[in-house]
């Protein structure tokens, strides 16, 4: 049995500075969001705007999600232990899964509240509503910039589900702030009180499929699904093309966290195949074909068969 070692730099080959960079960005977004939350609560009370108070509730959800994301990214950076031999990489995916559920509940809550406001519109002081929503919109745009995938210089532009979840939280709140701002401008000019619930419902419908997609991605990883975009059959064929490999079975591919893939595989080697060279060649194939950072390879010779587990559904 031979295993390729962990990458010298954790987080899928990304430098530790990238993880610290993400923590700094999360801290900045968290501080900004908390400040605007206090202003929105005060503005909602003064103006009597339920829309502002609802947006403040979205901000509160953002804060909870950002704290969860920050905690997850910090815990995930810890070294492996006896109890967690792979480390705590999955903490980031678990955070993304929870954040996706929060997004879904938020969107459904907006739809319910919108339906209630259609039947019982509430007049508000739109002047206060306008300035507070404008401030919230600006703050959300800054936070989105801090959390966006293109911000900073993360190694290889790796996609991180945990940061993506935090970004989506702020993005949805930005949509809510924009909707409140639009309503604050239009209502006094048209007298159409139904604009507020109409825009809110549209925002909720925009959120739902994106939250569902994030939930599906994170659940796929938690359930040990094959990495997205990787064809196990094609990987198996690539392994079989390695000189000296006569057979390949029990190939498993999974994702630890965003951008960090693992694999285990049994190969039957030709009798004259150099063991060391064969291992290096198969490791390189797994890296090139599936982006595998950590591989466990069982080498067998002749009729030797050391794996007696059922092969149901395995390549």
Foldseek 3Di string as FASTA:
>chain_A
DDKDDFAPAPDQVWHPVLLVLLLVLLVVLLVLLVVLLVVLVVLCVVWVDPLSVLLSVLSVLLNVLSVQLNVLSVQQPDAADPVRNVGSQLSLLVSLLVLLVVLLVSLVVLLVVLVVCVVPFDDTNLVSLQVSLVSLLVSLVVSLQSLPLPHDCIPPSFDFSSSVSSSLSSVLSNQSSVQSNVCSVVCVVPVPSSSSSVSSNVSSVVRNVVSVVSNVVSVCQVVFHADPPADQVVLLVLLCPPPFWPHKAQWGKGASGGNEIEIEIETEGEPPDDPVVSVVVSVVSCCVRRVHSMYHYHYHYDPDDPDPDDRVPID
